[in-house]
Amino acid sequence: MSVSALISTLSPNWCSLVSGIATYFSALFLLLSQNVLVFHTDGHNPHAHILLTVRPLNENGTWQYKTEKEYLCIKDGEEKGFTASEFKTAQKQGWEKQYRYKVGKKKEYLTPSSAQEKGYERIDKHPKSSRYGRQNPISEQ
């Protein structure tokens, strides 16, 4: 039995209900992608599986990032997180990324300027960052 024939055997009210539920959840969670699968195989158990994205889409239909790398930077003893694009502006205001340096037998995160003053050796090329990055605001809703 084809899909169109299968759907045509269901009552219009049932199809309208499934469509309404999918549209409701899509609007509720600001989702732009959904897939509705209707099952009516044996005539006794009509049901639908509604698949919704939890990941936002761009205007052109491509996936947005779930998270964005967030660098933990320091200025005057205060630590604050910046994305790569935010860091360009923050850097002009005196914020610096932190890298791991060998300090005696310990490893510590320091800014390049403070480590250079003390002559410490950098041991990691990756700057300090927040554990999971910054969540996409649309994903947090």
C-alpha atoms as a PDB file:
ATOM      1  CA  MET A   1       0.000   0.000   0.000  1.00  0.00           C
ATOM      2  CA  SER A   2       1.439   3.394  -0.946  1.00  0.00           C
ATOM      3  CA  VAL A   3       1.855   6.239   1.541  1.00  0.00           C
ATOM      4  CA  SER A   4      -0.793   8.391  -0.158  1.00  0.00           C
ATOM      5  CA  ALA A   5      -3.244   5.470  -0.142  1.00  0.00           C
ATOM      6  CA  LEU A   6      -2.387   4.781   3.481  1.00  0.00           C
ATOM      7  CA  ILE A   7      -3.050   8.379   4.525  1.00  0.00           C
ATOM      8  CA  SER A   8      -6.260   8.508   2.526  1.00  0.00           C
ATOM      9  CA  THR A   9      -7.627   5.597   4.580  1.00  0.00           C
ATOM     10  CA  LEU A  10      -7.321   7.653   7.785  1.00  0.00           C
ATOM     11  CA  SER A  11     -10.060  10.029   8.811  1.00  0.00           C
ATOM     12  CA  PRO A  12      -9.532  13.709   7.954  1.00  0.00           C
ATOM     13  CA  ASN A  13      -9.931  14.564  11.644  1.00  0.00           C
ATOM     14  CA  TRP A  14      -7.091  12.229  12.586  1.00  0.00           C
ATOM     15  CA  CYS A  15      -4.782  13.680   9.889  1.00  0.00           C
ATOM     16  CA  SER A  16      -5.697  17.209  10.972  1.00  0.00           C
ATOM     17  CA  LEU A  17      -4.924  16.340  14.596  1.00  0.00           C
ATOM     18  CA  VAL A  18      -1.474  14.959  13.728  1.00  0.00           C
ATOM     19  CA  SER A  19      -0.702  18.006  11.572  1.00  0.00           C
ATOM     20  CA  GLY A  20      -1.900  20.355  14.325  1.00  0.00           C
ATOM     21  CA  ILE A  21       0.248  18.669  16.979  1.00  0.00           C
ATOM     22  CA  ALA A  22       3.346  18.864  14.764  1.00  0.00           C
ATOM     23  CA  THR A  23       2.705  22.540  13.991  1.00  0.00           C
ATOM     24  CA  TYR A  24       2.083  23.351  17.679  1.00  0.00           C
ATOM     25  CA  PHE A  25       5.340  21.824  18.884  1.00  0.00           C
ATOM     26  CA  SER A  26       7.266  23.325  16.002  1.00  0.00           C
ATOM     27  CA  ALA A  27       6.013  26.821  16.910  1.00  0.00           C
ATOM     28  CA  LEU A  28       6.378  26.262  20.661  1.00  0.00           C
ATOM     29  CA  PHE A  29      10.070  25.432  20.413  1.00  0.00           C
ATOM     30  CA  LEU A  30      10.810  27.733  17.441  1.00  0.00           C
ATOM     31  CA  LEU A  31      11.747  24.761  15.308  1.00  0.00           C
ATOM     32  CA  LEU A  32      12.001  25.044  11.576  1.00  0.00           C
ATOM     33  CA  SER A  33      12.230  21.403  10.649  1.00  0.00           C
ATOM     34  CA  GLN A  34       9.811  18.567  11.284  1.00  0.00           C
ATOM     35  CA  ASN A  35       9.034  15.157   9.897  1.00  0.00           C
ATOM     36  CA  VAL A  36       5.698  13.395  10.402  1.00  0.00           C
ATOM     37  CA  LEU A  37       5.485   9.648   9.840  1.00  0.00           C
ATOM     38  CA  VAL A  38       1.992   8.150   9.787  1.00  0.00           C
ATOM     39  CA  PHE A  39       1.526   4.447  10.507  1.00  0.00           C
ATOM     40  CA  HIS A  40      -1.676   2.524   9.873  1.00  0.00           C
ATOM     41  CA  THR A  41      -0.410  -0.927   8.995  1.00  0.00           C
ATOM     42  CA  ASP A  42      -2.937  -3.344  10.448  1.00  0.00           C
ATOM     43  CA  GLY A  43      -6.043  -1.174  10.561  1.00  0.00           C
ATOM     44  CA  HIS A  44      -6.182  -1.306  14.378  1.00  0.00           C
ATOM     45  CA  ASN A  45      -3.364   0.953  15.491  1.00  0.00           C
ATOM     46  CA  PRO A  46      -3.152   4.195  13.521  1.00  0.00           C
ATOM     47  CA  HIS A  47      -0.408   6.400  14.995  1.00  0.00           C
ATOM     48  CA  ALA A  48       2.165   9.002  14.034  1.00  0.00           C
ATOM     49  CA  HIS A  49       5.777   9.662  14.904  1.00  0.00           C
ATOM     50  CA  ILE A  50       6.567  13.373  14.903  1.00  0.00           C
ATOM     51  CA  LEU A  51      10.282  14.178  14.686  1.00  0.00           C
ATOM     52  CA  LEU A  52      11.343  17.714  15.533  1.00  0.00           C
ATOM     53  CA  THR A  53      14.787  19.278  15.499  1.00  0.00           C
ATOM     54  CA  VAL A  54      16.305  20.639  18.664  1.00  0.00           C
ATOM     55  CA  ARG A  55      19.034  22.300  16.674  1.00  0.00           C
ATOM     56  CA  PRO A  56      18.247  25.663  15.081  1.00  0.00           C
ATOM     57  CA  LEU A  57      18.529  26.337  11.364  1.00  0.00           C
ATOM     58  CA  ASN A  58      19.881  29.408   9.554  1.00  0.00           C
ATOM     59  CA  GLU A  59      17.735  31.419   7.153  1.00  0.00           C
ATOM     60  CA  ASN A  60      19.158  29.405   4.239  1.00  0.00           C
ATOM     61  CA  GLY A  61      18.286  26.064   5.878  1.00  0.00           C
ATOM     62  CA  THR A  62      21.780  25.086   7.072  1.00  0.00           C
ATOM     63  CA  TRP A  63      22.391  24.005  10.664  1.00  0.00           C
ATOM     64  CA  GLN A  64      23.442  26.584  13.234  1.00  0.00           C
ATOM     65  CA  TYR A  65      26.108  25.649  15.747  1.00  0.00           C
ATOM     66  CA  LYS A  66      24.874  24.122  19.001  1.00  0.00           C
ATOM     67  CA  THR A  67      27.678  25.812  20.904  1.00  0.00           C
ATOM     68  CA  GLU A  68      30.433  28.275  20.176  1.00  0.00           C
ATOM     69  CA  LYS A  69      33.947  28.156  21.610  1.00  0.00           C
ATOM     70  CA  GLU A  70      34.236  30.529  24.558  1.00  0.00           C
ATOM     71  CA  TYR A  71      37.708  31.661  25.619  1.00  0.00           C
ATOM     72  CA  LEU A  72      38.227  32.509  29.294  1.00  0.00           C
ATOM     73  CA  CYS A  73      40.226  35.724  29.293  1.00  0.00           C
ATOM     74  CA  ILE A  74      41.705  37.885  32.046  1.00  0.00           C
ATOM     75  CA  LYS A  75      41.952  41.624  32.593  1.00  0.00           C
ATOM     76  CA  ASP A  76      43.003  43.145  35.927  1.00  0.00           C
ATOM     77  CA  GLY A  77      42.423  39.848  37.741  1.00  0.00           C
ATOM     78  CA  GLU A  78      38.857  39.419  36.425  1.00  0.00           C
ATOM     79  CA  GLU A  79      38.082  36.334  34.304  1.00  0.00           C
ATOM     80  CA  LYS A  80      35.407  36.574  31.605  1.00  0.00           C
ATOM     81  CA  GLY A  81      34.322  34.450  28.632  1.00  0.00           C
ATOM     82  CA  PHE A  82      34.396  35.692  25.021  1.00  0.00           C
ATOM     83  CA  THR A  83      33.566  34.052  21.713  1.00  0.00           C
ATOM     84  CA  ALA A  84      36.113  34.450  18.899  1.00  0.00           C
ATOM     85  CA  SER A  85      34.220  37.376  17.372  1.00  0.00           C
ATOM     86  CA  GLU A  86      33.767  39.072  20.770  1.00  0.00           C
ATOM     87  CA  PHE A  87      37.434  38.582  21.616  1.00  0.00           C
ATOM     88  CA  LYS A  88      38.578  40.839  18.758  1.00  0.00           C
ATOM     89  CA  THR A  89      36.871  43.788  20.458  1.00  0.00           C
ATOM     90  CA  ALA A  90      37.788  42.663  23.986  1.00  0.00           C
ATOM     91  CA  GLN A  91      41.457  42.368  23.055  1.00  0.00           C
ATOM     92  CA  LYS A  92      41.516  46.061  22.156  1.00  0.00           C
ATOM     93  CA  GLN A  93      40.172  46.751  25.654  1.00  0.00           C
ATOM     94  CA  GLY A  94      43.040  44.872  27.311  1.00  0.00           C
ATOM     95  CA  TRP A  95      41.613  41.351  27.709  1.00  0.00           C
ATOM     96  CA  GLU A  96      44.089  38.498  27.159  1.00  0.00           C
ATOM     97  CA  LYS A  97      43.626  34.784  26.532  1.00  0.00           C
ATOM     98  CA  GLN A  98      45.211  32.386  29.027  1.00  0.00           C
ATOM     99  CA  TYR A  99      47.505  29.516  28.098  1.00  0.00           C
ATOM    100  CA  ARG A 100      49.102  26.742  30.142  1.00  0.00           C
ATOM    101  CA  TYR A 101      52.650  27.374  31.281  1.00  0.00           C
ATOM    102  CA  LYS A 102      55.110  25.291  33.239  1.00  0.00           C
ATOM    103  CA  VAL A 103      55.668  27.012  36.587  1.00  0.00           C
ATOM    104  CA  GLY A 104      58.230  24.960  38.470  1.00  0.00           C
ATOM    105  CA  LYS A 105      56.719  21.479  38.657  1.00  0.00           C
ATOM    106  CA  LYS A 106      53.162  22.766  38.276  1.00  0.00           C
ATOM    107  CA  LYS A 107      51.123  23.773  35.260  1.00  0.00           C
ATOM    108  CA  GLU A 108      49.187  27.037  35.445  1.00  0.00           C
ATOM    109  CA  TYR A 109      47.071  29.181  33.164  1.00  0.00           C
ATOM    110  CA  LEU A 110      48.655  32.583  32.588  1.00  0.00           C
ATOM    111  CA  THR A 111      48.424  35.354  30.037  1.00  0.00           C
ATOM    112  CA  PRO A 112      51.338  35.523  27.567  1.00  0.00           C
ATOM    113  CA  SER A 113      52.371  38.953  28.863  1.00  0.00           C
ATOM    114  CA  SER A 114      52.636  37.855  32.522  1.00  0.00           C
ATOM    115  CA  ALA A 115      54.363  34.588  31.605  1.00  0.00           C
ATOM    116  CA  GLN A 116      56.899  36.389  29.415  1.00  0.00           C
ATOM    117  CA  GLU A 117      57.807  38.738  32.288  1.00  0.00           C
ATOM    118  CA  LYS A 118      58.629  35.725  34.468  1.00  0.00           C
ATOM    119  CA  GLY A 119      60.258  33.668  31.712  1.00  0.00           C
ATOM    120  CA  TYR A 120      57.853  30.729  31.888  1.00  0.00           C
ATOM    121  CA  GLU A 121      57.632  28.174  29.072  1.00  0.00           C
ATOM    122  CA  ARG A 122      54.283  27.705  27.351  1.00  0.00           C
ATOM    123  CA  ILE A 123      53.299  24.020  27.183  1.00  0.00           C
ATOM    124  CA  ASP A 124      49.951  24.148  25.388  1.00  0.00           C
ATOM    125  CA  LYS A 125      48.890  25.977  22.231  1.00  0.00           C
ATOM    126  CA  HIS A 126      45.182  25.898  23.135  1.00  0.00           C
ATOM    127  CA  PRO A 127      43.831  28.800  25.197  1.00  0.00           C
ATOM    128  CA  LYS A 128      41.758  28.221  28.320  1.00  0.00           C
ATOM    129  CA  SER A 129      38.079  27.892  27.462  1.00  0.00           C
ATOM    130  CA  SER A 130      34.782  27.156  29.149  1.00  0.00           C
ATOM    131  CA  ARG A 131      34.030  23.458  29.432  1.00  0.00           C
ATOM    132  CA  TYR A 132      31.158  23.156  26.957  1.00  0.00           C
ATOM    133  CA  GLY A 133      31.375  26.507  25.188  1.00  0.00           C
ATOM    134  CA  ARG A 134      28.597  29.023  24.940  1.00  0.00           C
ATOM    135  CA  GLN A 135      25.202  27.559  24.125  1.00  0.00           C
ATOM    136  CA  ASN A 136      23.320  28.886  21.125  1.00  0.00           C
ATOM    137  CA  PRO A 137      20.583  31.095  22.696  1.00  0.00           C
ATOM    138  CA  ILE A 138      17.916  29.513  20.478  1.00  0.00           C
ATOM    139  CA  SER A 139      18.908  26.031  21.732  1.00  0.00           C
ATOM    140  CA  GLU A 140      18.556  27.107  25.366  1.00  0.00           C
ATOM    141  CA  GLN A 141      14.871  28.011  25.059  1.00  0.00           C
END
